[in-house]
């Protein structure tokens, strides 16, 4: 009984992780990036994360850029971007390096 419960839990976790990594291929090319005016930095150490177009399942929606504090000293923000692949467009998530 315990083995079945453990196996079922592990399988559920595995499937949950797998679906989180799934990417959707968008057949419509993203529009040009919106040129934003950066507001003043809220304080020392903040990094600007530029805006991007997000696919909502039916159309692209602009997500405005914003200021954030890096998670660690000397961290660099690598912006997300749309990459042409598999007959459509894939979103490559932004991340800290």
C-alpha atoms as a PDB file:
ATOM      1  CA  UNK A   1       0.000   0.000   0.000  1.00  0.00           C
ATOM      2  CA  UNK A   2       2.758   2.426   0.970  1.00  0.00           C
ATOM      3  CA  UNK A   3       4.660   1.612  -2.242  1.00  0.00           C
ATOM      4  CA  UNK A   4       1.620   2.467  -4.377  1.00  0.00           C
ATOM      5  CA  UNK A   5       1.160   5.756  -2.553  1.00  0.00           C
ATOM      6  CA  UNK A   6       4.857   6.610  -2.905  1.00  0.00           C
ATOM      7  CA  UNK A   7       4.877   5.675  -6.600  1.00  0.00           C
ATOM      8  CA  UNK A   8       1.688   7.668  -7.252  1.00  0.00           C
ATOM      9  CA  UNK A   9       3.130  10.737  -5.503  1.00  0.00           C
ATOM     10  CA  UNK A  10       6.420  10.493  -7.392  1.00  0.00           C
ATOM     11  CA  UNK A  11       4.577  10.097 -10.699  1.00  0.00           C
ATOM     12  CA  UNK A  12       2.405  13.140  -9.936  1.00  0.00           C
ATOM     13  CA  UNK A  13       5.445  15.248  -9.126  1.00  0.00           C
ATOM     14  CA  UNK A  14       7.227  14.070 -12.278  1.00  0.00           C
ATOM     15  CA  UNK A  15       4.243  14.861 -14.481  1.00  0.00           C
ATOM     16  CA  UNK A  16       3.828  18.262 -12.835  1.00  0.00           C
ATOM     17  CA  UNK A  17       7.440  19.145 -13.530  1.00  0.00           C
ATOM     18  CA  UNK A  18       7.169  17.926 -17.130  1.00  0.00           C
ATOM     19  CA  UNK A  19       4.127  20.037 -17.942  1.00  0.00           C
ATOM     20  CA  UNK A  20       5.749  23.149 -16.479  1.00  0.00           C
ATOM     21  CA  UNK A  21       8.590  22.832 -18.975  1.00  0.00           C
ATOM     22  CA  UNK A  22       6.309  22.349 -22.000  1.00  0.00           C
ATOM     23  CA  UNK A  23       6.537  25.050 -24.640  1.00  0.00           C
ATOM     24  CA  UNK A  24       3.863  26.117 -27.055  1.00  0.00           C
ATOM     25  CA  UNK A  25       4.798  26.865 -30.645  1.00  0.00           C
ATOM     26  CA  UNK A  26       3.074  30.085 -31.718  1.00  0.00           C
ATOM     27  CA  UNK A  27       2.421  30.194 -35.463  1.00  0.00           C
ATOM     28  CA  UNK A  28       2.082  34.009 -35.556  1.00  0.00           C
ATOM     29  CA  UNK A  29       5.296  36.055 -35.448  1.00  0.00           C
ATOM     30  CA  UNK A  30       5.577  38.435 -32.496  1.00  0.00           C
ATOM     31  CA  UNK A  31       5.081  42.141 -33.187  1.00  0.00           C
ATOM     32  CA  UNK A  32       8.019  44.547 -32.952  1.00  0.00           C
ATOM     33  CA  UNK A  33       9.249  45.259 -29.429  1.00  0.00           C
ATOM     34  CA  UNK A  34       7.623  48.338 -27.893  1.00  0.00           C
ATOM     35  CA  UNK A  35      10.082  51.137 -27.160  1.00  0.00           C
ATOM     36  CA  UNK A  36       9.527  52.023 -23.520  1.00  0.00           C
ATOM     37  CA  UNK A  37      10.617  55.050 -21.551  1.00  0.00           C
ATOM     38  CA  UNK A  38      12.262  53.814 -18.386  1.00  0.00           C
ATOM     39  CA  UNK A  39      11.008  55.490 -15.250  1.00  0.00           C
ATOM     40  CA  UNK A  40      13.634  56.687 -12.772  1.00  0.00           C
ATOM     41  CA  UNK A  41      15.335  53.891 -10.874  1.00  0.00           C
ATOM     42  CA  UNK A  42      13.740  53.311  -7.475  1.00  0.00           C
ATOM     43  CA  UNK A  43      17.148  53.131  -5.833  1.00  0.00           C
ATOM     44  CA  UNK A  44      20.745  51.979  -6.060  1.00  0.00           C
ATOM     45  CA  UNK A  45      21.376  48.438  -7.272  1.00  0.00           C
ATOM     46  CA  UNK A  46      18.153  48.037  -9.264  1.00  0.00           C
ATOM     47  CA  UNK A  47      18.292  46.451 -12.735  1.00  0.00           C
ATOM     48  CA  UNK A  48      15.884  47.198 -15.596  1.00  0.00           C
ATOM     49  CA  UNK A  49      14.031  44.135 -16.921  1.00  0.00           C
ATOM     50  CA  UNK A  50      12.716  45.125 -20.365  1.00  0.00           C
ATOM     51  CA  UNK A  51       9.148  44.513 -21.459  1.00  0.00           C
ATOM     52  CA  UNK A  52       8.154  41.722 -23.830  1.00  0.00           C
ATOM     53  CA  UNK A  53       5.237  40.331 -25.801  1.00  0.00           C
ATOM     54  CA  UNK A  54       3.501  37.417 -24.063  1.00  0.00           C
ATOM     55  CA  UNK A  55       1.263  35.003 -25.990  1.00  0.00           C
ATOM     56  CA  UNK A  56      -2.080  34.595 -24.176  1.00  0.00           C
ATOM     57  CA  UNK A  57      -3.367  31.773 -26.383  1.00  0.00           C
ATOM     58  CA  UNK A  58      -5.092  34.047 -28.889  1.00  0.00           C
ATOM     59  CA  UNK A  59      -2.934  37.157 -29.290  1.00  0.00           C
ATOM     60  CA  UNK A  60       0.242  38.848 -28.113  1.00  0.00           C
ATOM     61  CA  UNK A  61      -0.040  41.042 -25.022  1.00  0.00           C
ATOM     62  CA  UNK A  62       2.643  43.549 -24.036  1.00  0.00           C
ATOM     63  CA  UNK A  63       4.118  43.083 -20.552  1.00  0.00           C
ATOM     64  CA  UNK A  64       5.758  46.329 -19.423  1.00  0.00           C
ATOM     65  CA  UNK A  65       9.352  46.464 -18.253  1.00  0.00           C
ATOM     66  CA  UNK A  66      10.111  47.033 -14.589  1.00  0.00           C
ATOM     67  CA  UNK A  67      12.926  47.570 -12.087  1.00  0.00           C
ATOM     68  CA  UNK A  68      14.051  44.668  -9.876  1.00  0.00           C
ATOM     69  CA  UNK A  69      16.773  43.987  -7.362  1.00  0.00           C
ATOM     70  CA  UNK A  70      19.141  41.210  -8.497  1.00  0.00           C
ATOM     71  CA  UNK A  71      19.088  37.990  -6.463  1.00  0.00           C
ATOM     72  CA  UNK A  72      22.834  38.231  -5.784  1.00  0.00           C
ATOM     73  CA  UNK A  73      25.733  40.666  -6.287  1.00  0.00           C
ATOM     74  CA  UNK A  74      26.966  41.046  -9.887  1.00  0.00           C
ATOM     75  CA  UNK A  75      24.001  39.082 -11.304  1.00  0.00           C
ATOM     76  CA  UNK A  76      23.181  40.025 -14.905  1.00  0.00           C
ATOM     77  CA  UNK A  77      19.673  39.898 -16.389  1.00  0.00           C
ATOM     78  CA  UNK A  78      19.455  38.026 -19.713  1.00  0.00           C
ATOM     79  CA  UNK A  79      16.207  39.214 -21.356  1.00  0.00           C
ATOM     80  CA  UNK A  80      13.667  36.756 -22.679  1.00  0.00           C
ATOM     81  CA  UNK A  81      13.117  36.610 -26.424  1.00  0.00           C
ATOM     82  CA  UNK A  82      11.134  34.907 -29.141  1.00  0.00           C
ATOM     83  CA  UNK A  83      13.063  32.329 -31.184  1.00  0.00           C
ATOM     84  CA  UNK A  84      11.922  31.056 -34.572  1.00  0.00           C
ATOM     85  CA  UNK A  85      11.839  27.238 -34.506  1.00  0.00           C
ATOM     86  CA  UNK A  86       9.651  24.243 -35.338  1.00  0.00           C
ATOM     87  CA  UNK A  87       7.618  26.154 -37.919  1.00  0.00           C
ATOM     88  CA  UNK A  88       6.665  28.868 -35.442  1.00  0.00           C
ATOM     89  CA  UNK A  89       7.911  30.929 -32.510  1.00  0.00           C
ATOM     90  CA  UNK A  90       9.081  29.734 -29.078  1.00  0.00           C
ATOM     91  CA  UNK A  91       9.473  31.948 -26.013  1.00  0.00           C
ATOM     92  CA  UNK A  92      12.882  31.730 -24.316  1.00  0.00           C
ATOM     93  CA  UNK A  93      12.378  32.880 -20.725  1.00  0.00           C
ATOM     94  CA  UNK A  94      14.542  35.664 -19.288  1.00  0.00           C
ATOM     95  CA  UNK A  95      16.842  34.663 -16.445  1.00  0.00           C
ATOM     96  CA  UNK A  96      19.637  35.779 -14.143  1.00  0.00           C
ATOM     97  CA  UNK A  97      23.183  34.805 -15.004  1.00  0.00           C
END
